Amino acid sequence: MKRSRAPRQEVQPWLATLLLRAVLPSAAREYVLGDLAEGYRRLCDDRGEAVARRWYWGQAIRALNPTLRITLRGSKSTRRRAWRSSPVSTFLQDTRFALRTIGRRPSMALVAIVTLALGIGASTTTASSTAFCCARCHTMILRASS
């Protein structure tokens, strides 16, 4: 008779969690750790525990104070890092992220686009009608005074 294995509980890397608890401000600590735990569980289900652990450690290291990171001046990696932080590179990263998000949730993108269109249209209509009314009142005042 075969024994069925109990499902493994995905536990986040304890050392990374401990470091984050020590470094993060108390106001943001629970939010960040909760988001990381949710992402860790999702990755464990989708891609396995090894990938989830690497992702968790990467996020923990990125959350640490940037002054703790080691940078080598003048090396190729520094030049690459400088290119990655340039405005063009940031714009390209944002564009790629937006396209991935639209691909994952096209209905959400549609709602956002329709909301923006309605907001811009309403603002334009309000500004145009206000300008029209002001111009009309101004001409009436000019005619009355002459």
Protein backbone atom coordinates (compact mmCIF):
# COMPACT_ATOMS: atom_id res chain seq x y z
CA MET A 1 0.00 0.00 0.00
CA LYS A 2 1.41 3.33 -1.09
CA ARG A 3 1.40 6.24 1.24
CA SER A 4 0.32 9.55 -0.17
CA ARG A 5 2.62 12.42 0.54
CA ALA A 6 1.31 15.35 2.48
CA PRO A 7 1.46 18.55 0.46
CA ARG A 8 4.57 20.56 1.23
CA GLN A 9 4.05 23.90 2.79
CA GLU A 10 5.88 26.65 0.96
CA VAL A 11 7.84 28.60 3.54
CA GLN A 12 9.65 31.74 2.49
CA PRO A 13 13.42 31.86 3.05
CA TRP A 14 13.65 32.67 6.74
CA LEU A 15 16.94 34.58 6.57
CA ALA A 16 15.69 36.90 3.83
CA THR A 17 12.49 37.49 5.80
CA LEU A 18 14.52 38.22 8.94
CA LEU A 19 16.69 40.73 7.05
CA LEU A 20 13.63 42.46 5.64
CA ARG A 21 12.00 42.64 9.06
CA ALA A 22 15.16 44.30 10.40
CA VAL A 23 15.62 46.80 7.56
CA LEU A 24 12.14 47.82 6.41
CA PRO A 25 10.32 50.64 8.20
CA SER A 26 7.52 49.42 10.43
CA ALA A 27 4.82 51.20 8.39
CA ALA A 28 5.64 49.27 5.21
CA ARG A 29 6.96 46.03 6.69
CA GLU A 30 3.76 43.98 6.76
CA TYR A 31 2.63 45.18 3.34
CA VAL A 32 5.94 44.27 1.71
CA LEU A 33 6.24 40.92 3.47
CA GLY A 34 2.62 40.09 2.63
CA ASP A 35 3.15 40.90 -1.04
CA LEU A 36 6.35 38.85 -1.10
CA ALA A 37 4.60 35.89 0.55
CA GLU A 38 1.78 36.05 -1.99
CA GLY A 39 4.21 36.21 -4.91
CA TYR A 40 6.27 33.37 -3.42
CA ARG A 41 3.22 31.10 -3.12
CA ARG A 42 2.13 31.95 -6.66
CA LEU A 43 5.58 31.17 -8.05
CA CYS A 44 5.77 27.93 -6.05
CA ASP A 45 2.53 26.79 -7.65
CA ASP A 46 3.44 27.95 -11.15
CA ARG A 47 7.16 27.35 -11.53
CA GLY A 48 8.44 25.44 -8.52
CA GLU A 49 10.02 26.15 -5.19
CA ALA A 50 13.58 26.69 -6.48
CA VAL A 51 12.50 29.49 -8.81
CA ALA A 52 10.34 31.00 -6.07
CA ARG A 53 13.22 30.97 -3.60
CA ARG A 54 15.56 32.72 -6.07
CA TRP A 55 12.87 35.30 -6.82
CA TYR A 56 12.27 35.92 -3.11
CA TRP A 57 15.98 36.44 -2.43
CA GLY A 58 16.26 38.79 -5.39
CA GLN A 59 13.36 40.87 -4.13
CA ALA A 60 14.81 40.92 -0.61
CA ILE A 61 18.19 42.12 -1.86
CA ARG A 62 16.55 44.84 -3.98
CA ALA A 63 14.56 46.03 -0.97
CA LEU A 64 17.69 46.51 1.13
CA ASN A 65 19.22 49.94 1.34
CA PRO A 66 20.83 50.84 -2.00
CA THR A 67 23.99 52.00 -0.21
CA LEU A 68 24.60 48.41 0.85
CA ARG A 69 25.01 47.34 -2.78
CA ILE A 70 28.52 47.07 -4.10
CA THR A 71 29.28 49.02 -7.27
CA LEU A 72 32.54 48.89 -9.17
CA ARG A 73 33.45 52.17 -10.80
CA GLY A 74 34.66 52.19 -14.37
CA SER A 75 33.85 48.57 -15.15
CA LYS A 76 31.66 47.36 -18.00
CA SER A 77 28.94 46.39 -15.55
CA THR A 78 28.82 49.98 -14.26
CA ARG A 79 28.42 51.32 -17.79
CA ARG A 80 25.65 48.79 -18.43
CA ARG A 81 24.01 49.77 -15.16
CA ALA A 82 24.19 53.44 -16.17
CA TRP A 83 22.49 52.63 -19.48
CA ARG A 84 19.79 50.69 -17.65
CA SER A 85 18.99 53.73 -15.52
CA SER A 86 18.92 56.21 -18.41
CA PRO A 87 15.57 57.85 -19.25
CA VAL A 88 15.37 56.04 -22.61
CA SER A 89 15.94 52.68 -20.98
CA THR A 90 13.41 53.43 -18.26
CA PHE A 91 10.85 54.44 -20.90
CA LEU A 92 11.49 51.20 -22.81
CA GLN A 93 11.12 49.13 -19.63
CA ASP A 94 7.86 50.91 -18.81
CA THR A 95 6.59 50.33 -22.34
CA ARG A 96 7.43 46.62 -22.20
CA PHE A 97 5.73 46.33 -18.82
CA ALA A 98 2.61 48.10 -20.14
CA LEU A 99 2.43 45.78 -23.15
CA ARG A 100 2.83 42.69 -20.94
CA THR A 101 0.10 43.96 -18.63
CA ILE A 102 -2.23 44.66 -21.56
CA GLY A 103 -1.54 41.16 -22.88
CA ARG A 104 -2.40 39.59 -19.53
CA ARG A 105 -5.52 41.63 -18.81
CA PRO A 106 -6.92 43.23 -21.95
CA SER A 107 -10.25 44.00 -20.28
CA MET A 108 -8.50 46.07 -17.61
CA ALA A 109 -6.64 47.97 -20.31
CA LEU A 110 -9.92 48.64 -22.12
CA VAL A 111 -11.49 49.99 -18.93
CA ALA A 112 -8.48 52.27 -18.36
CA ILE A 113 -8.53 53.57 -21.95
CA VAL A 114 -12.30 54.23 -21.87
CA THR A 115 -11.97 56.01 -18.52
CA LEU A 116 -9.19 58.22 -19.85
CA ALA A 117 -11.15 58.99 -23.02
CA LEU A 118 -14.25 59.96 -21.04
CA GLY A 119 -12.22 62.10 -18.64
CA ILE A 120 -10.42 63.92 -21.43
CA GLY A 121 -13.66 64.41 -23.34
CA ALA A 122 -15.48 65.76 -20.30
CA SER A 123 -12.64 68.16 -19.50
CA THR A 124 -12.52 69.41 -23.08
CA THR A 125 -16.29 69.90 -23.19
CA THR A 126 -16.29 71.80 -19.91
CA ALA A 127 -13.41 74.05 -20.96
CA SER A 128 -14.98 74.74 -24.38
CA SER A 129 -18.42 75.58 -22.99
CA THR A 130 -16.91 77.79 -20.30
CA ALA A 131 -14.85 79.66 -22.88
CA PHE A 132 -17.92 80.01 -25.11
CA CYS A 133 -20.06 81.39 -22.26
CA CYS A 134 -17.34 83.81 -21.17
CA ALA A 135 -16.86 85.06 -24.74
CA ARG A 136 -20.60 85.44 -25.19
CA CYS A 137 -20.97 87.40 -21.94
CA HIS A 138 -17.99 89.56 -22.91
CA THR A 139 -19.54 90.46 -26.29
CA MET A 140 -22.90 91.22 -24.63
CA ILE A 141 -21.17 93.57 -22.18
CA LEU A 142 -19.31 95.29 -25.03
CA ARG A 143 -22.54 95.76 -27.02
CA ALA A 144 -24.36 97.13 -23.97
CA SER A 145 -21.61 99.62 -23.19
CA SER A 146 -21.48 101.04 -26.74
